[in-house]
Amino acid sequence: MGKVYAHFSPNRSIRVMFNSQIAVTGTIVWSKESQIGVQFDNEIDMEQLLHDLGNSHIGNKVNRAPRLEVECAGEIETKTQRLPMTLQDISQRGIKAKVSSVWPGDEVVVRLDGIEARKATVRWVQNGSAGLNFLTPLGFEELAEWVIRRQQARIP
């Protein structure tokens, strides 16, 4: 059983992302209000899954939260200026954005319409984009509801 933030019909195939490297497939067997029941295609080794999710690395890859591709305008505030940015993706732990004049190690404030301003650290900069880690991760529900509101605002 899972909580969802959109309507899903029974008999629909889905993919559940636990993080950017771990996903499982299944079929929705029932749907009621904001909950669904899923029959997974294969048995899940819960002990191994929980172990993997608790590690900083899975194999040779960093254990990252799933990233959602969202393009929207925002702002990054440094100690001396406010910079326009274009969000490219977002996760509970941070963002990737097109922005100039930031450097790895900078502490900034990320401002996105509909999400409370959040302090972050610039982790990397490459080809006009930057990766930022939030000092305090977004709550799952806060992120999910923000994404749903953005999607609904685009529907005529």
N, C-alpha and C. Protein backbone atom coordinates (compact mmCIF):
# COMPACT_ATOMS: atom_id res chain seq x y z
N MET A 1 0.85 -1.16 0.00
CA MET A 1 0.00 0.00 0.00
C MET A 1 0.90 1.23 0.00
N GLY A 2 0.49 2.26 -0.74
CA GLY A 2 1.27 3.49 -0.77
C GLY A 2 0.38 4.71 -0.85
N LYS A 3 0.91 5.82 -0.35
CA LYS A 3 0.23 7.10 -0.45
C LYS A 3 0.67 7.76 -1.75
N VAL A 4 -0.31 8.31 -2.49
CA VAL A 4 -0.01 8.95 -3.78
C VAL A 4 -0.60 10.35 -3.80
N TYR A 5 -0.10 11.14 -4.72
CA TYR A 5 -0.52 12.55 -4.80
C TYR A 5 -1.20 12.86 -6.13
N ALA A 6 -1.66 11.82 -6.79
CA ALA A 6 -2.39 11.96 -8.05
C ALA A 6 -3.33 10.76 -8.14
N HIS A 7 -4.25 10.79 -9.11
CA HIS A 7 -5.17 9.67 -9.30
C HIS A 7 -4.51 8.60 -10.16
N PHE A 8 -4.59 7.35 -9.71
CA PHE A 8 -4.08 6.22 -10.47
C PHE A 8 -5.18 5.19 -10.61
N SER A 9 -5.32 4.63 -11.79
CA SER A 9 -6.34 3.62 -12.04
C SER A 9 -5.78 2.22 -11.81
N PRO A 10 -6.62 1.29 -11.35
CA PRO A 10 -6.18 -0.09 -11.21
C PRO A 10 -5.73 -0.66 -12.56
N ASN A 11 -4.90 -1.67 -12.50
CA ASN A 11 -4.34 -2.38 -13.66
C ASN A 11 -3.29 -1.57 -14.41
N ARG A 12 -2.86 -0.47 -13.85
CA ARG A 12 -1.82 0.35 -14.48
C ARG A 12 -0.44 -0.13 -14.00
N SER A 13 0.48 -0.30 -14.94
CA SER A 13 1.86 -0.65 -14.58
C SER A 13 2.56 0.58 -14.05
N ILE A 14 3.35 0.39 -12.99
CA ILE A 14 4.09 1.51 -12.41
C ILE A 14 5.51 1.09 -12.08
N ARG A 15 6.32 2.09 -11.81
CA ARG A 15 7.69 1.89 -11.36
C ARG A 15 7.86 2.71 -10.08
N VAL A 16 8.24 2.08 -9.01
CA VAL A 16 8.42 2.75 -7.72
C VAL A 16 9.91 3.00 -7.53
N MET A 17 10.28 4.29 -7.38
CA MET A 17 11.68 4.67 -7.19
C MET A 17 11.95 4.86 -5.70
N PHE A 18 12.83 4.05 -5.14
CA PHE A 18 13.23 4.22 -3.75
C PHE A 18 14.37 5.24 -3.64
N ASN A 19 15.21 5.29 -4.65
CA ASN A 19 16.24 6.30 -4.81
C ASN A 19 16.63 6.28 -6.28
N SER A 20 17.70 6.98 -6.66
CA SER A 20 18.01 7.07 -8.09
C SER A 20 18.55 5.76 -8.67
N GLN A 21 18.96 4.80 -7.83
CA GLN A 21 19.47 3.53 -8.33
C GLN A 21 18.55 2.34 -8.08
N ILE A 22 17.60 2.49 -7.17
CA ILE A 22 16.75 1.35 -6.80
C ILE A 22 15.31 1.63 -7.19
N ALA A 23 14.80 0.83 -8.11
CA ALA A 23 13.41 0.95 -8.56
C ALA A 23 12.83 -0.45 -8.72
N VAL A 24 11.54 -0.58 -8.47
CA VAL A 24 10.85 -1.84 -8.67
C VAL A 24 9.60 -1.58 -9.50
N THR A 25 9.19 -2.58 -10.25
CA THR A 25 8.00 -2.46 -11.09
C THR A 25 6.86 -3.28 -10.51
N GLY A 26 5.66 -2.87 -10.85
CA GLY A 26 4.50 -3.59 -10.37
C GLY A 26 3.24 -3.11 -11.07
N THR A 27 2.11 -3.56 -10.57
CA THR A 27 0.81 -3.21 -11.13
C THR A 27 -0.09 -2.73 -10.00
N ILE A 28 -0.81 -1.65 -10.24
CA ILE A 28 -1.77 -1.15 -9.26
C ILE A 28 -2.96 -2.10 -9.26
N VAL A 29 -3.29 -2.62 -8.08
CA VAL A 29 -4.42 -3.56 -7.98
C VAL A 29 -5.66 -2.90 -7.41
N TRP A 30 -5.49 -1.78 -6.68
CA TRP A 30 -6.64 -1.02 -6.20
C TRP A 30 -6.22 0.42 -5.96
N SER A 31 -7.20 1.31 -6.00
CA SER A 31 -6.95 2.74 -5.81
C SER A 31 -8.15 3.34 -5.09
N LYS A 32 -7.88 4.06 -3.99
CA LYS A 32 -8.96 4.70 -3.24
C LYS A 32 -8.41 5.98 -2.61
N GLU A 33 -9.02 7.10 -2.98
CA GLU A 33 -8.61 8.42 -2.49
C GLU A 33 -7.12 8.62 -2.75
N SER A 34 -6.31 8.77 -1.70
CA SER A 34 -4.89 9.04 -1.91
C SER A 34 -4.02 7.81 -1.62
N GLN A 35 -4.60 6.63 -1.77
CA GLN A 35 -3.83 5.40 -1.53
C GLN A 35 -4.02 4.43 -2.68
N ILE A 36 -2.97 3.61 -2.89
CA ILE A 36 -3.03 2.55 -3.90
C ILE A 36 -2.45 1.27 -3.30
N GLY A 37 -2.88 0.17 -3.86
CA GLY A 37 -2.30 -1.13 -3.55
C GLY A 37 -1.52 -1.60 -4.75
N VAL A 38 -0.29 -2.08 -4.55
CA VAL A 38 0.57 -2.48 -5.64
C VAL A 38 0.98 -3.94 -5.49
N GLN A 39 0.88 -4.68 -6.58
CA GLN A 39 1.42 -6.05 -6.65
C GLN A 39 2.74 -5.92 -7.40
N PHE A 40 3.86 -6.15 -6.72
CA PHE A 40 5.16 -6.03 -7.38
C PHE A 40 5.41 -7.21 -8.28
N ASP A 41 6.15 -6.97 -9.36
CA ASP A 41 6.45 -8.02 -10.34
C ASP A 41 7.34 -9.11 -9.77
N ASN A 42 8.22 -8.73 -8.83
CA ASN A 42 9.13 -9.68 -8.21
C ASN A 42 9.15 -9.46 -6.70
N GLU A 43 9.51 -10.50 -5.98
CA GLU A 43 9.62 -10.39 -4.53
C GLU A 43 10.72 -9.39 -4.18
N ILE A 44 10.48 -8.59 -3.14
CA ILE A 44 11.44 -7.58 -2.71
C ILE A 44 12.13 -8.08 -1.44
N ASP A 45 13.46 -8.09 -1.44
CA ASP A 45 14.24 -8.44 -0.27
C ASP A 45 14.32 -7.20 0.61
N MET A 46 13.37 -7.06 1.55
CA MET A 46 13.26 -5.84 2.35
C MET A 46 14.51 -5.60 3.20
N GLU A 47 15.10 -6.66 3.73
CA GLU A 47 16.32 -6.49 4.54
C GLU A 47 17.43 -5.86 3.70
N GLN A 48 17.62 -6.36 2.48
CA GLN A 48 18.66 -5.81 1.60
C GLN A 48 18.29 -4.40 1.14
N LEU A 49 17.02 -4.17 0.82
CA LEU A 49 16.58 -2.84 0.39
C LEU A 49 16.86 -1.80 1.48
N LEU A 50 16.45 -2.09 2.70
CA LEU A 50 16.68 -1.15 3.80
C LEU A 50 18.17 -0.95 4.07
N HIS A 51 18.94 -2.00 3.94
CA HIS A 51 20.40 -1.89 4.10
C HIS A 51 20.97 -0.95 3.03
N ASP A 52 20.58 -1.16 1.78
CA ASP A 52 21.09 -0.33 0.68
C ASP A 52 20.68 1.13 0.85
N LEU A 53 19.44 1.36 1.25
CA LEU A 53 18.96 2.74 1.41
C LEU A 53 19.69 3.47 2.53
N GLY A 54 20.21 2.73 3.50
CA GLY A 54 20.92 3.34 4.62
C GLY A 54 22.38 3.64 4.33
N ASN A 55 22.92 3.13 3.22
CA ASN A 55 24.33 3.35 2.88
C ASN A 55 24.52 4.65 2.11
N SER A 56 25.70 5.24 2.24
CA SER A 56 26.01 6.45 1.49
C SER A 56 26.28 6.14 0.02
N HIS A 57 26.67 4.90 -0.28
CA HIS A 57 26.92 4.46 -1.66
C HIS A 57 26.20 3.15 -1.92
N ILE A 58 25.77 2.97 -3.15
CA ILE A 58 25.23 1.69 -3.59
C ILE A 58 26.13 1.26 -4.74
N GLY A 59 26.88 0.20 -4.53
CA GLY A 59 27.92 -0.16 -5.49
C GLY A 59 28.94 0.97 -5.51
N ASN A 60 29.24 1.47 -6.69
CA ASN A 60 30.19 2.58 -6.79
C ASN A 60 29.50 3.92 -7.01
N LYS A 61 28.18 3.98 -6.83
CA LYS A 61 27.42 5.22 -7.03
C LYS A 61 26.95 5.80 -5.70
N VAL A 62 26.90 7.14 -5.65
CA VAL A 62 26.40 7.82 -4.46
C VAL A 62 24.91 7.53 -4.32
N ASN A 63 24.48 7.23 -3.11
CA ASN A 63 23.07 6.97 -2.82
C ASN A 63 22.33 8.31 -2.80
N ARG A 64 21.60 8.59 -3.86
CA ARG A 64 20.90 9.88 -4.00
C ARG A 64 19.40 9.68 -3.97
N ALA A 65 18.74 10.72 -3.50
CA ALA A 65 17.27 10.72 -3.55
C ALA A 65 16.83 10.84 -5.01
N PRO A 66 15.67 10.29 -5.37
CA PRO A 66 15.19 10.44 -6.74
C PRO A 66 15.07 11.91 -7.12
N ARG A 67 15.44 12.24 -8.35
CA ARG A 67 15.39 13.61 -8.84
C ARG A 67 14.20 13.76 -9.78
N LEU A 68 13.53 14.88 -9.63
CA LEU A 68 12.38 15.17 -10.48
C LEU A 68 12.77 16.31 -11.41
N GLU A 69 12.62 16.08 -12.71
CA GLU A 69 12.93 17.12 -13.67
C GLU A 69 11.82 18.15 -13.66
N VAL A 70 12.16 19.36 -13.24
CA VAL A 70 11.20 20.46 -13.16
C VAL A 70 11.93 21.70 -13.64
N GLU A 71 11.38 22.35 -14.64
CA GLU A 71 11.99 23.59 -15.11
C GLU A 71 11.14 24.76 -14.67
N CYS A 72 11.75 25.64 -13.88
CA CYS A 72 11.05 26.86 -13.46
C CYS A 72 12.08 27.89 -13.01
N ALA A 73 11.63 29.13 -12.96
CA ALA A 73 12.51 30.22 -12.53
C ALA A 73 12.58 30.26 -11.01
N GLY A 74 13.69 30.75 -10.53
CA GLY A 74 13.88 30.93 -9.10
C GLY A 74 15.00 31.92 -8.87
N GLU A 75 15.49 31.92 -7.66
CA GLU A 75 16.53 32.87 -7.30
C GLU A 75 17.48 32.21 -6.29
N ILE A 76 18.75 32.56 -6.42
CA ILE A 76 19.74 32.12 -5.45
C ILE A 76 20.33 33.38 -4.83
N GLU A 77 20.29 33.42 -3.50
CA GLU A 77 20.81 34.57 -2.78
C GLU A 77 22.16 34.20 -2.17
N THR A 78 23.20 34.96 -2.55
CA THR A 78 24.52 34.79 -1.95
C THR A 78 24.67 35.84 -0.85
N LYS A 79 25.85 35.92 -0.27
CA LYS A 79 26.09 36.93 0.77
C LYS A 79 26.00 38.34 0.21
N THR A 80 26.24 38.49 -1.10
CA THR A 80 26.32 39.84 -1.68
C THR A 80 25.29 40.16 -2.74
N GLN A 81 24.59 39.14 -3.28
CA GLN A 81 23.67 39.43 -4.38
C GLN A 81 22.58 38.37 -4.52
N ARG A 82 21.55 38.74 -5.29
CA ARG A 82 20.49 37.80 -5.66
C ARG A 82 20.66 37.48 -7.14
N LEU A 83 20.73 36.20 -7.45
CA LEU A 83 20.99 35.76 -8.81
C LEU A 83 19.78 35.02 -9.37
N PRO A 84 19.36 35.33 -10.59
CA PRO A 84 18.29 34.54 -11.20
C PRO A 84 18.82 33.15 -11.54
N MET A 85 17.96 32.17 -11.45
CA MET A 85 18.34 30.81 -11.82
C MET A 85 17.16 30.11 -12.46
N THR A 86 17.47 29.07 -13.21
CA THR A 86 16.45 28.20 -13.78
C THR A 86 16.65 26.81 -13.19
N LEU A 87 15.66 26.36 -12.45
CA LEU A 87 15.71 25.03 -11.86
C LEU A 87 15.69 23.99 -12.97
N GLN A 88 16.54 22.97 -12.86
CA GLN A 88 16.56 21.87 -13.84
C GLN A 88 16.03 20.58 -13.23
N ASP A 89 16.40 20.31 -11.98
CA ASP A 89 15.79 19.18 -11.27
C ASP A 89 15.85 19.44 -9.78
N ILE A 90 15.04 18.68 -9.05
CA ILE A 90 14.93 18.86 -7.61
C ILE A 90 14.74 17.50 -6.95
N SER A 91 15.28 17.37 -5.75
CA SER A 91 15.05 16.19 -4.92
C SER A 91 14.85 16.68 -3.50
N GLN A 92 14.62 15.78 -2.58
CA GLN A 92 14.49 16.19 -1.19
C GLN A 92 15.78 16.81 -0.67
N ARG A 93 16.90 16.41 -1.24
CA ARG A 93 18.20 16.84 -0.71
C ARG A 93 18.82 18.03 -1.44
N GLY A 94 18.28 18.43 -2.60
CA GLY A 94 18.90 19.55 -3.29
C GLY A 94 18.37 19.78 -4.68
N ILE A 95 19.10 20.63 -5.43
CA ILE A 95 18.67 21.00 -6.78
C ILE A 95 19.86 21.02 -7.73
N LYS A 96 19.51 20.99 -9.01
CA LYS A 96 20.44 21.32 -10.09
C LYS A 96 19.82 22.50 -10.80
N ALA A 97 20.63 23.55 -11.03
CA ALA A 97 20.08 24.77 -11.62
C ALA A 97 21.08 25.43 -12.55
N LYS A 98 20.53 26.12 -13.57
CA LYS A 98 21.35 26.99 -14.41
C LYS A 98 21.50 28.30 -13.66
N VAL A 99 22.74 28.65 -13.32
CA VAL A 99 23.00 29.87 -12.55
C VAL A 99 24.46 30.26 -12.76
N SER A 100 24.73 31.55 -12.71
CA SER A 100 26.11 32.00 -12.85
C SER A 100 26.59 32.61 -11.54
N SER A 101 27.89 32.78 -11.43
CA SER A 101 28.52 33.49 -10.31
C SER A 101 28.40 32.80 -8.96
N VAL A 102 28.31 31.47 -8.93
CA VAL A 102 28.40 30.72 -7.69
C VAL A 102 29.57 29.75 -7.81
N TRP A 103 30.12 29.36 -6.68
CA TRP A 103 31.31 28.51 -6.66
C TRP A 103 31.15 27.40 -5.64
N PRO A 104 31.77 26.24 -5.88
CA PRO A 104 31.70 25.16 -4.89
C PRO A 104 32.11 25.67 -3.51
N GLY A 105 31.31 25.30 -2.52
CA GLY A 105 31.56 25.72 -1.15
C GLY A 105 30.74 26.93 -0.73
N ASP A 106 30.21 27.68 -1.70
CA ASP A 106 29.38 28.84 -1.34
C ASP A 106 28.15 28.39 -0.57
N GLU A 107 27.80 29.14 0.47
CA GLU A 107 26.54 28.92 1.18
C GLU A 107 25.56 29.94 0.66
N VAL A 108 24.39 29.49 0.22
CA VAL A 108 23.41 30.35 -0.43
C VAL A 108 22.02 30.05 0.13
N VAL A 109 21.05 30.85 -0.32
CA VAL A 109 19.65 30.60 -0.01
C VAL A 109 18.93 30.38 -1.34
N VAL A 110 18.21 29.28 -1.46
CA VAL A 110 17.45 28.95 -2.66
C VAL A 110 16.02 29.43 -2.47
N ARG A 111 15.53 30.20 -3.45
CA ARG A 111 14.15 30.71 -3.40
C ARG A 111 13.39 30.21 -4.62
N LEU A 112 12.34 29.42 -4.35
CA LEU A 112 11.44 28.92 -5.38
C LEU A 112 10.02 29.26 -4.96
N ASP A 113 9.22 29.77 -5.89
CA ASP A 113 7.84 30.12 -5.58
C ASP A 113 7.10 28.89 -5.07
N GLY A 114 6.52 28.99 -3.89
CA GLY A 114 5.72 27.90 -3.34
C GLY A 114 6.47 27.00 -2.37
N ILE A 115 7.78 27.21 -2.20
CA ILE A 115 8.56 26.45 -1.23
C ILE A 115 9.27 27.46 -0.33
N GLU A 116 9.27 27.19 0.96
CA GLU A 116 9.96 28.08 1.90
C GLU A 116 11.44 28.18 1.51
N ALA A 117 12.00 29.39 1.57
CA ALA A 117 13.41 29.60 1.25
C ALA A 117 14.26 28.62 2.04
N ARG A 118 15.29 28.07 1.36
CA ARG A 118 16.11 27.03 1.98
C ARG A 118 17.58 27.30 1.80
N LYS A 119 18.34 27.18 2.89
CA LYS A 119 19.79 27.32 2.81
C LYS A 119 20.38 26.08 2.13
N ALA A 120 21.44 26.32 1.33
CA ALA A 120 22.08 25.23 0.61
C ALA A 120 23.57 25.53 0.44
N THR A 121 24.31 24.49 0.12
CA THR A 121 25.73 24.62 -0.19
C THR A 121 25.94 24.22 -1.64
N VAL A 122 26.70 25.03 -2.38
CA VAL A 122 27.03 24.69 -3.77
C VAL A 122 28.06 23.57 -3.73
N ARG A 123 27.76 22.44 -4.35
CA ARG A 123 28.65 21.28 -4.36
C ARG A 123 29.53 21.23 -5.61
N TRP A 124 28.94 21.62 -6.75
CA TRP A 124 29.70 21.58 -8.00
C TRP A 124 29.15 22.62 -8.96
N VAL A 125 30.00 23.03 -9.90
CA VAL A 125 29.62 23.96 -10.97
C VAL A 125 30.24 23.44 -12.25
N GLN A 126 29.42 23.35 -13.31
CA GLN A 126 29.92 22.85 -14.58
C GLN A 126 29.03 23.34 -15.72
N ASN A 127 29.65 23.94 -16.74
CA ASN A 127 28.94 24.36 -17.96
C ASN A 127 27.68 25.20 -17.68
N GLY A 128 27.77 26.12 -16.75
CA GLY A 128 26.65 27.02 -16.46
C GLY A 128 25.60 26.45 -15.53
N SER A 129 25.78 25.22 -15.06
CA SER A 129 24.85 24.61 -14.10
C SER A 129 25.58 24.38 -12.78
N ALA A 130 24.79 24.30 -11.71
CA ALA A 130 25.36 24.06 -10.39
C ALA A 130 24.50 23.04 -9.64
N GLY A 131 25.16 22.24 -8.82
CA GLY A 131 24.47 21.30 -7.95
C GLY A 131 24.53 21.83 -6.52
N LEU A 132 23.38 21.93 -5.88
CA LEU A 132 23.31 22.48 -4.52
C LEU A 132 22.66 21.47 -3.59
N ASN A 133 23.21 21.32 -2.41
CA ASN A 133 22.63 20.45 -1.39
C ASN A 133 21.96 21.31 -0.34
N PHE A 134 20.69 21.00 -0.04
CA PHE A 134 20.00 21.70 1.03
C PHE A 134 20.63 21.34 2.37
N LEU A 135 20.76 22.32 3.27
CA LEU A 135 21.28 22.04 4.61
C LEU A 135 20.25 21.23 5.40
N THR A 136 18.96 21.51 5.15
CA THR A 136 17.86 20.74 5.74
C THR A 136 17.02 20.21 4.59
N PRO A 137 16.95 18.88 4.41
CA PRO A 137 16.19 18.34 3.28
C PRO A 137 14.72 18.75 3.30
N LEU A 138 14.13 18.79 2.12
CA LEU A 138 12.69 19.01 1.98
C LEU A 138 11.97 17.77 2.49
N GLY A 139 10.83 17.98 3.12
CA GLY A 139 10.00 16.84 3.49
C GLY A 139 9.40 16.23 2.23
N PHE A 140 9.19 14.92 2.24
CA PHE A 140 8.65 14.24 1.07
C PHE A 140 7.31 14.84 0.67
N GLU A 141 6.41 15.03 1.65
CA GLU A 141 5.09 15.56 1.32
C GLU A 141 5.17 16.98 0.78
N GLU A 142 6.05 17.80 1.35
CA GLU A 142 6.21 19.17 0.87
C GLU A 142 6.65 19.17 -0.60
N LEU A 143 7.63 18.34 -0.93
CA LEU A 143 8.11 18.26 -2.31
C LEU A 143 7.02 17.71 -3.24
N ALA A 144 6.36 16.64 -2.84
CA ALA A 144 5.31 16.05 -3.67
C ALA A 144 4.18 17.03 -3.93
N GLU A 145 3.73 17.71 -2.89
CA GLU A 145 2.63 18.66 -3.06
C GLU A 145 3.04 19.84 -3.93
N TRP A 146 4.30 20.30 -3.82
CA TRP A 146 4.80 21.40 -4.65
C TRP A 146 4.80 20.99 -6.13
N VAL A 147 5.29 19.78 -6.41
CA VAL A 147 5.33 19.30 -7.79
C VAL A 147 3.91 19.17 -8.36
N ILE A 148 2.98 18.62 -7.57
CA ILE A 148 1.60 18.47 -8.02
C ILE A 148 0.97 19.84 -8.29
N ARG A 149 1.18 20.81 -7.40
CA ARG A 149 0.63 22.16 -7.62
C ARG A 149 1.18 22.76 -8.92
N ARG A 150 2.46 22.56 -9.19
CA ARG A 150 3.07 23.08 -10.42
C ARG A 150 2.44 22.42 -11.65
N GLN A 151 2.23 21.10 -11.58
CA GLN A 151 1.64 20.37 -12.70
C GLN A 151 0.19 20.83 -12.92
N GLN A 152 -0.56 21.00 -11.85
CA GLN A 152 -1.96 21.41 -11.97
C GLN A 152 -2.07 22.82 -12.52
N ALA A 153 -1.13 23.69 -12.19
CA ALA A 153 -1.16 25.06 -12.69
C ALA A 153 -0.94 25.12 -14.19
N ARG A 154 -0.31 24.10 -14.76
CA ARG A 154 -0.05 24.05 -16.21
C ARG A 154 -1.23 23.50 -17.00
N ILE A 155 -2.14 22.79 -16.32
CA ILE A 155 -3.29 22.19 -17.02
C ILE A 155 -4.34 23.27 -17.26
N PRO A 156 -4.74 23.47 -18.52
CA PRO A 156 -5.75 24.53 -18.82
C PRO A 156 -7.12 24.19 -18.27
